[in-house]
């Protein structure tokens, strides 16, 4: 897991540098930036009080985010995966008759070339607000589909339902996809333009789609499908 996380961060950094170079070369080739000077204060040993305040502030921000955005998205996913109830005498899992299933199957054809099933499609929607939600959404969808055993052993369930190619494709998707609404909001505020926010969203979505498509097909060609 540590090696995978290191690889994801490395791929993200390398990709960011590559995209920055391409944007500068093709869009701002003739742009001459003004010299930028920043005066840095003297380095000092941090005080425990300052460290404590910093940790408290960031922990508070995360808990507020987890208690609002993430929790709200999970309640929404639970509702979509639980209603409406299956008809009397139904033999298929209850989630197959839910709103989540309807939405997921509607989106699935677009994401199928990436190796994504309808459950992944459902998880990606609330994941646009915060990528942490996608993992919890997958757990909710598969837990409701498979009962308590699936909730207790979600890792084994995903391993049995996903191929290695699908897992790699999803990891690559999360390297590039704009899975954070707050980041887009910051871009809108800092640039003062909806245009650049939309451009950022669209190019990152397209980049994620193409990268996942290549990853999935290469993995399948190598026998990981």
C-alpha atoms as a PDB file:
ATOM      1  CA  UNK A   1       0.000   0.000   0.000  1.00  0.00           C
ATOM      2  CA  UNK A   2       2.821   2.376   0.815  1.00  0.00           C
ATOM      3  CA  UNK A   3       4.451   1.708  -2.537  1.00  0.00           C
ATOM      4  CA  UNK A   4       1.158   2.318  -4.331  1.00  0.00           C
ATOM      5  CA  UNK A   5       0.652   5.633  -2.529  1.00  0.00           C
ATOM      6  CA  UNK A   6       4.200   6.679  -3.352  1.00  0.00           C
ATOM      7  CA  UNK A   7       3.609   5.801  -6.993  1.00  0.00           C
ATOM      8  CA  UNK A   8       0.369   7.802  -7.073  1.00  0.00           C
ATOM      9  CA  UNK A   9       1.989  10.887  -5.588  1.00  0.00           C
ATOM     10  CA  UNK A  10       4.978  10.576  -7.914  1.00  0.00           C
ATOM     11  CA  UNK A  11       2.743  10.176 -10.958  1.00  0.00           C
ATOM     12  CA  UNK A  12       0.707  13.196  -9.878  1.00  0.00           C
ATOM     13  CA  UNK A  13       3.790  15.390  -9.458  1.00  0.00           C
ATOM     14  CA  UNK A  14       5.318  14.297 -12.771  1.00  0.00           C
ATOM     15  CA  UNK A  15       1.997  14.815 -14.550  1.00  0.00           C
ATOM     16  CA  UNK A  16       1.572  18.290 -13.056  1.00  0.00           C
ATOM     17  CA  UNK A  17       5.029  19.281 -14.256  1.00  0.00           C
ATOM     18  CA  UNK A  18       4.313  17.874 -17.710  1.00  0.00           C
ATOM     19  CA  UNK A  19       0.978  19.672 -18.029  1.00  0.00           C
ATOM     20  CA  UNK A  20       2.550  22.926 -16.810  1.00  0.00           C
ATOM     21  CA  UNK A  21       5.244  22.659 -19.474  1.00  0.00           C
ATOM     22  CA  UNK A  22       2.719  21.983 -22.232  1.00  0.00           C
ATOM     23  CA  UNK A  23       0.464  24.848 -21.155  1.00  0.00           C
ATOM     24  CA  UNK A  24       3.391  27.244 -21.016  1.00  0.00           C
ATOM     25  CA  UNK A  25       4.694  26.089 -24.403  1.00  0.00           C
ATOM     26  CA  UNK A  26       1.409  26.162 -26.312  1.00  0.00           C
ATOM     27  CA  UNK A  27      -0.635  28.862 -24.553  1.00  0.00           C
ATOM     28  CA  UNK A  28       1.818  31.313 -23.004  1.00  0.00           C
ATOM     29  CA  UNK A  29       4.881  30.941 -25.171  1.00  0.00           C
ATOM     30  CA  UNK A  30       5.234  34.708 -25.705  1.00  0.00           C
ATOM     31  CA  UNK A  31       4.230  35.668 -22.178  1.00  0.00           C
ATOM     32  CA  UNK A  32       6.974  37.403 -20.223  1.00  0.00           C
ATOM     33  CA  UNK A  33       6.283  37.168 -16.499  1.00  0.00           C
ATOM     34  CA  UNK A  34       7.295  40.035 -14.247  1.00  0.00           C
ATOM     35  CA  UNK A  35      10.104  39.300 -11.780  1.00  0.00           C
ATOM     36  CA  UNK A  36       8.767  37.918  -8.533  1.00  0.00           C
ATOM     37  CA  UNK A  37      10.514  38.606  -5.255  1.00  0.00           C
ATOM     38  CA  UNK A  38       9.473  37.214  -1.909  1.00  0.00           C
ATOM     39  CA  UNK A  39      11.200  38.117   1.311  1.00  0.00           C
ATOM     40  CA  UNK A  40      11.469  35.113   3.590  1.00  0.00           C
ATOM     41  CA  UNK A  41      11.755  35.476   7.358  1.00  0.00           C
ATOM     42  CA  UNK A  42      14.611  33.933   9.295  1.00  0.00           C
ATOM     43  CA  UNK A  43      14.199  30.232   9.992  1.00  0.00           C
ATOM     44  CA  UNK A  44      13.483  29.491  13.632  1.00  0.00           C
ATOM     45  CA  UNK A  45      12.695  26.421  15.668  1.00  0.00           C
ATOM     46  CA  UNK A  46       8.910  26.121  15.922  1.00  0.00           C
ATOM     47  CA  UNK A  47       7.327  26.444  19.317  1.00  0.00           C
ATOM     48  CA  UNK A  48       5.132  23.653  20.634  1.00  0.00           C
ATOM     49  CA  UNK A  49       2.292  26.121  21.104  1.00  0.00           C
ATOM     50  CA  UNK A  50       2.437  27.159  17.443  1.00  0.00           C
ATOM     51  CA  UNK A  51       2.540  23.527  16.332  1.00  0.00           C
ATOM     52  CA  UNK A  52      -0.422  22.702  18.542  1.00  0.00           C
ATOM     53  CA  UNK A  53      -2.466  25.601  17.188  1.00  0.00           C
ATOM     54  CA  UNK A  54      -1.652  24.573  13.613  1.00  0.00           C
ATOM     55  CA  UNK A  55      -2.613  20.948  14.226  1.00  0.00           C
ATOM     56  CA  UNK A  56      -5.815  21.974  16.002  1.00  0.00           C
ATOM     57  CA  UNK A  57      -6.824  24.351  13.199  1.00  0.00           C
ATOM     58  CA  UNK A  58      -6.282  21.804  10.442  1.00  0.00           C
ATOM     59  CA  UNK A  59      -7.943  18.999  12.389  1.00  0.00           C
ATOM     60  CA  UNK A  60     -10.937  21.245  13.029  1.00  0.00           C
ATOM     61  CA  UNK A  61     -11.183  22.114   9.340  1.00  0.00           C
ATOM     62  CA  UNK A  62     -11.093  18.432   8.372  1.00  0.00           C
ATOM     63  CA  UNK A  63     -13.700  17.451  10.956  1.00  0.00           C
ATOM     64  CA  UNK A  64     -15.974  20.256   9.801  1.00  0.00           C
ATOM     65  CA  UNK A  65     -15.567  19.082   6.225  1.00  0.00           C
ATOM     66  CA  UNK A  66     -16.120  15.452   7.225  1.00  0.00           C
ATOM     67  CA  UNK A  67     -19.165  16.407   9.257  1.00  0.00           C
ATOM     68  CA  UNK A  68     -20.770  18.409   6.475  1.00  0.00           C
ATOM     69  CA  UNK A  69     -19.748  17.519   2.935  1.00  0.00           C
ATOM     70  CA  UNK A  70     -18.673  13.904   3.449  1.00  0.00           C
ATOM     71  CA  UNK A  71     -21.488  13.008   5.846  1.00  0.00           C
ATOM     72  CA  UNK A  72     -24.110  14.663   3.633  1.00  0.00           C
ATOM     73  CA  UNK A  73     -22.873  12.811   0.563  1.00  0.00           C
ATOM     74  CA  UNK A  74     -22.945   9.495   2.419  1.00  0.00           C
ATOM     75  CA  UNK A  75     -26.522  10.071   3.557  1.00  0.00           C
ATOM     76  CA  UNK A  76     -27.433  10.832  -0.062  1.00  0.00           C
ATOM     77  CA  UNK A  77     -25.742   7.649  -1.292  1.00  0.00           C
ATOM     78  CA  UNK A  78     -27.495   5.582   1.369  1.00  0.00           C
ATOM     79  CA  UNK A  79     -30.847   7.038   0.333  1.00  0.00           C
ATOM     80  CA  UNK A  80     -30.239   6.436  -3.376  1.00  0.00           C
ATOM     81  CA  UNK A  81     -29.088   2.874  -2.688  1.00  0.00           C
ATOM     82  CA  UNK A  82     -32.014   2.050  -0.388  1.00  0.00           C
ATOM     83  CA  UNK A  83     -35.051   3.453  -2.203  1.00  0.00           C
ATOM     84  CA  UNK A  84     -37.369   2.544  -3.751  1.00  0.00           C
ATOM     85  CA  UNK A  85     -37.902  -0.823  -2.156  1.00  0.00           C
ATOM     86  CA  UNK A  86     -37.829  -3.910  -4.413  1.00  0.00           C
ATOM     87  CA  UNK A  87     -41.172  -5.300  -5.547  1.00  0.00           C
ATOM     88  CA  UNK A  88     -42.710  -8.213  -3.708  1.00  0.00           C
ATOM     89  CA  UNK A  89     -41.214 -11.547  -4.688  1.00  0.00           C
ATOM     90  CA  UNK A  90     -38.057 -10.037  -6.163  1.00  0.00           C
ATOM     91  CA  UNK A  91     -35.120 -12.448  -6.214  1.00  0.00           C
ATOM     92  CA  UNK A  92     -32.370  -9.994  -7.192  1.00  0.00           C
ATOM     93  CA  UNK A  93     -30.509  -7.862  -4.616  1.00  0.00           C
ATOM     94  CA  UNK A  94     -32.589  -4.922  -3.418  1.00  0.00           C
ATOM     95  CA  UNK A  95     -30.066  -2.385  -4.653  1.00  0.00           C
ATOM     96  CA  UNK A  96     -30.712  -3.458  -8.248  1.00  0.00           C
ATOM     97  CA  UNK A  97     -34.120  -1.748  -7.995  1.00  0.00           C
ATOM     98  CA  UNK A  98     -32.817   1.434  -6.350  1.00  0.00           C
ATOM     99  CA  UNK A  99     -32.291   4.945  -7.677  1.00  0.00           C
ATOM    100  CA  UNK A 100     -28.539   4.396  -7.387  1.00  0.00           C
ATOM    101  CA  UNK A 101     -28.770   1.435  -9.745  1.00  0.00           C
ATOM    102  CA  UNK A 102     -30.812   3.440 -12.250  1.00  0.00           C
ATOM    103  CA  UNK A 103     -28.333   6.335 -12.195  1.00  0.00           C
ATOM    104  CA  UNK A 104     -25.317   4.025 -12.284  1.00  0.00           C
ATOM    105  CA  UNK A 105     -26.573   2.016 -15.238  1.00  0.00           C
ATOM    106  CA  UNK A 106     -27.334   5.253 -17.117  1.00  0.00           C
ATOM    107  CA  UNK A 107     -23.733   6.440 -16.681  1.00  0.00           C
ATOM    108  CA  UNK A 108     -22.087   3.032 -17.067  1.00  0.00           C
ATOM    109  CA  UNK A 109     -21.865   3.039 -20.912  1.00  0.00           C
ATOM    110  CA  UNK A 110     -19.720   6.201 -20.775  1.00  0.00           C
ATOM    111  CA  UNK A 111     -17.314   4.702 -18.235  1.00  0.00           C
ATOM    112  CA  UNK A 112     -17.381   1.087 -19.434  1.00  0.00           C
ATOM    113  CA  UNK A 113     -14.356   1.591 -21.763  1.00  0.00           C
ATOM    114  CA  UNK A 114     -12.362   2.386 -18.612  1.00  0.00           C
ATOM    115  CA  UNK A 115     -13.372  -0.905 -16.989  1.00  0.00           C
ATOM    116  CA  UNK A 116     -15.772   0.786 -14.552  1.00  0.00           C
ATOM    117  CA  UNK A 117     -19.034  -0.884 -13.552  1.00  0.00           C
ATOM    118  CA  UNK A 118     -22.194   0.886 -12.437  1.00  0.00           C
ATOM    119  CA  UNK A 119     -21.170   0.766  -8.773  1.00  0.00           C
ATOM    120  CA  UNK A 120     -18.008   2.729  -9.551  1.00  0.00           C
ATOM    121  CA  UNK A 121     -20.057   5.146 -11.653  1.00  0.00           C
ATOM    122  CA  UNK A 122     -22.316   5.818  -8.667  1.00  0.00           C
ATOM    123  CA  UNK A 123     -19.333   6.368  -6.353  1.00  0.00           C
ATOM    124  CA  UNK A 124     -17.711   8.871  -8.713  1.00  0.00           C
ATOM    125  CA  UNK A 125     -20.700  11.238  -8.562  1.00  0.00           C
ATOM    126  CA  UNK A 126     -20.486  12.210  -4.862  1.00  0.00           C
ATOM    127  CA  UNK A 127     -16.729  11.884  -5.217  1.00  0.00           C
ATOM    128  CA  UNK A 128     -16.832  15.103  -7.220  1.00  0.00           C
ATOM    129  CA  UNK A 129     -17.493  16.934  -3.954  1.00  0.00           C
ATOM    130  CA  UNK A 130     -14.667  15.194  -2.098  1.00  0.00           C
ATOM    131  CA  UNK A 131     -12.713  12.201  -3.309  1.00  0.00           C
ATOM    132  CA  UNK A 132     -12.797  10.639   0.154  1.00  0.00           C
ATOM    133  CA  UNK A 133     -16.515  10.070  -0.348  1.00  0.00           C
ATOM    134  CA  UNK A 134     -15.935   7.662  -3.241  1.00  0.00           C
ATOM    135  CA  UNK A 135     -14.372   4.997  -1.014  1.00  0.00           C
ATOM    136  CA  UNK A 136     -17.190   5.246   1.508  1.00  0.00           C
ATOM    137  CA  UNK A 137     -19.741   5.241  -1.324  1.00  0.00           C
ATOM    138  CA  UNK A 138     -18.293   2.036  -2.750  1.00  0.00           C
ATOM    139  CA  UNK A 139     -18.461   0.480   0.696  1.00  0.00           C
ATOM    140  CA  UNK A 140     -22.076   1.556   1.055  1.00  0.00           C
ATOM    141  CA  UNK A 141     -23.132   0.254  -2.355  1.00  0.00           C
ATOM    142  CA  UNK A 142     -21.408  -3.114  -2.019  1.00  0.00           C
ATOM    143  CA  UNK A 143     -22.432  -3.509   1.623  1.00  0.00           C
ATOM    144  CA  UNK A 144     -26.082  -2.960   0.789  1.00  0.00           C
ATOM    145  CA  UNK A 145     -25.777  -5.296  -2.173  1.00  0.00           C
ATOM    146  CA  UNK A 146     -24.059  -8.096  -0.289  1.00  0.00           C
ATOM    147  CA  UNK A 147     -25.355  -7.712   3.258  1.00  0.00           C
ATOM    148  CA  UNK A 148     -23.317  -7.641   6.459  1.00  0.00           C
ATOM    149  CA  UNK A 149     -20.633  -9.979   5.114  1.00  0.00           C
ATOM    150  CA  UNK A 150     -19.795  -7.550   2.317  1.00  0.00           C
ATOM    151  CA  UNK A 151     -19.649  -4.671   4.784  1.00  0.00           C
ATOM    152  CA  UNK A 152     -17.167  -6.586   6.953  1.00  0.00           C
ATOM    153  CA  UNK A 153     -15.044  -7.789   4.062  1.00  0.00           C
ATOM    154  CA  UNK A 154     -15.265  -4.996   1.504  1.00  0.00           C
ATOM    155  CA  UNK A 155     -11.674  -5.560   0.424  1.00  0.00           C
ATOM    156  CA  UNK A 156     -12.333  -9.173  -0.517  1.00  0.00           C
ATOM    157  CA  UNK A 157     -15.570  -8.194  -2.246  1.00  0.00           C
ATOM    158  CA  UNK A 158     -13.848  -5.598  -4.422  1.00  0.00           C
ATOM    159  CA  UNK A 159     -11.041  -8.026  -5.237  1.00  0.00           C
ATOM    160  CA  UNK A 160     -13.587 -10.592  -6.412  1.00  0.00           C
ATOM    161  CA  UNK A 161     -15.614  -8.126  -8.495  1.00  0.00           C
ATOM    162  CA  UNK A 162     -12.814  -6.008  -9.985  1.00  0.00           C
ATOM    163  CA  UNK A 163     -10.028  -7.090 -12.267  1.00  0.00           C
ATOM    164  CA  UNK A 164      -6.515  -5.750 -11.772  1.00  0.00           C
ATOM    165  CA  UNK A 165      -6.995  -3.664 -14.913  1.00  0.00           C
ATOM    166  CA  UNK A 166     -10.083  -2.005 -13.408  1.00  0.00           C
ATOM    167  CA  UNK A 167      -8.273  -1.256 -10.148  1.00  0.00           C
ATOM    168  CA  UNK A 168      -5.320   0.297 -11.979  1.00  0.00           C
ATOM    169  CA  UNK A 169      -7.652   2.312 -14.182  1.00  0.00           C
ATOM    170  CA  UNK A 170      -9.478   3.689 -11.131  1.00  0.00           C
ATOM    171  CA  UNK A 171      -6.206   4.624  -9.430  1.00  0.00           C
ATOM    172  CA  UNK A 172      -5.098   6.499 -12.536  1.00  0.00           C
ATOM    173  CA  UNK A 173      -8.480   8.206 -12.692  1.00  0.00           C
ATOM    174  CA  UNK A 174      -7.964   9.607  -9.201  1.00  0.00           C
ATOM    175  CA  UNK A 175      -4.554  10.978 -10.133  1.00  0.00           C
ATOM    176  CA  UNK A 176      -6.048  13.308 -12.738  1.00  0.00           C
ATOM    177  CA  UNK A 177      -9.784  13.709 -12.141  1.00  0.00           C
ATOM    178  CA  UNK A 178     -11.130  16.940 -10.579  1.00  0.00           C
ATOM    179  CA  UNK A 179     -12.531  15.167  -7.519  1.00  0.00           C
ATOM    180  CA  UNK A 180     -12.735  18.169  -5.213  1.00  0.00           C
ATOM    181  CA  UNK A 181     -15.405  20.840  -5.506  1.00  0.00           C
ATOM    182  CA  UNK A 182     -13.628  23.099  -3.017  1.00  0.00           C
ATOM    183  CA  UNK A 183     -10.572  23.254  -5.300  1.00  0.00           C
ATOM    184  CA  UNK A 184     -12.734  24.369  -8.207  1.00  0.00           C
ATOM    185  CA  UNK A 185     -14.327  26.971  -5.946  1.00  0.00           C
ATOM    186  CA  UNK A 186     -10.881  28.327  -5.049  1.00  0.00           C
ATOM    187  CA  UNK A 187      -9.979  28.550  -8.756  1.00  0.00           C
ATOM    188  CA  UNK A 188     -13.194  30.483  -9.367  1.00  0.00           C
ATOM    189  CA  UNK A 189     -12.450  32.869  -6.500  1.00  0.00           C
ATOM    190  CA  UNK A 190      -8.770  33.432  -7.287  1.00  0.00           C
ATOM    191  CA  UNK A 191      -9.212  33.930 -11.035  1.00  0.00           C
ATOM    192  CA  UNK A 192     -12.518  35.766 -10.740  1.00  0.00           C
ATOM    193  CA  UNK A 193     -13.751  33.825 -13.741  1.00  0.00           C
ATOM    194  CA  UNK A 194     -16.078  30.892 -14.343  1.00  0.00           C
ATOM    195  CA  UNK A 195     -14.202  30.328 -17.595  1.00  0.00           C
ATOM    196  CA  UNK A 196     -10.975  29.096 -16.024  1.00  0.00           C
ATOM    197  CA  UNK A 197     -12.839  26.979 -13.518  1.00  0.00           C
ATOM    198  CA  UNK A 198     -14.716  25.281 -16.364  1.00  0.00           C
ATOM    199  CA  UNK A 199     -11.516  24.880 -18.396  1.00  0.00           C
ATOM    200  CA  UNK A 200      -9.777  23.285 -15.417  1.00  0.00           C
ATOM    201  CA  UNK A 201     -12.644  20.872 -14.808  1.00  0.00           C
ATOM    202  CA  UNK A 202     -12.989  19.852 -18.451  1.00  0.00           C
ATOM    203  CA  UNK A 203      -9.293  19.375 -19.176  1.00  0.00           C
ATOM    204  CA  UNK A 204      -8.743  17.378 -15.967  1.00  0.00           C
ATOM    205  CA  UNK A 205     -11.793  15.228 -16.711  1.00  0.00           C
ATOM    206  CA  UNK A 206     -10.587  14.601 -20.263  1.00  0.00           C
ATOM    207  CA  UNK A 207      -7.059  13.875 -19.042  1.00  0.00           C
ATOM    208  CA  UNK A 208      -8.364  11.415 -16.451  1.00  0.00           C
ATOM    209  CA  UNK A 209     -10.557   9.674 -19.022  1.00  0.00           C
ATOM    210  CA  UNK A 210      -7.788   9.282 -21.598  1.00  0.00           C
ATOM    211  CA  UNK A 211      -5.210   8.177 -19.017  1.00  0.00           C
ATOM    212  CA  UNK A 212      -7.583   5.604 -17.509  1.00  0.00           C
ATOM    213  CA  UNK A 213      -8.549   4.381 -20.976  1.00  0.00           C
ATOM    214  CA  UNK A 214      -4.911   3.784 -21.911  1.00  0.00           C
ATOM    215  CA  UNK A 215      -4.155   2.186 -18.547  1.00  0.00           C
ATOM    216  CA  UNK A 216      -7.094  -0.203 -18.738  1.00  0.00           C
ATOM    217  CA  UNK A 217      -6.442  -1.316 -22.306  1.00  0.00           C
ATOM    218  CA  UNK A 218      -2.708  -1.758 -21.728  1.00  0.00           C
ATOM    219  CA  UNK A 219      -3.402  -3.777 -18.569  1.00  0.00           C
ATOM    220  CA  UNK A 220      -5.910  -5.956 -20.425  1.00  0.00           C
ATOM    221  CA  UNK A 221      -3.431  -6.483 -23.264  1.00  0.00           C
ATOM    222  CA  UNK A 222      -0.854  -7.618 -20.706  1.00  0.00           C
ATOM    223  CA  UNK A 223      -3.287 -10.156 -19.268  1.00  0.00           C
ATOM    224  CA  UNK A 224      -4.454  -8.229 -16.198  1.00  0.00           C
ATOM    225  CA  UNK A 225      -8.054  -8.000 -17.357  1.00  0.00           C
END
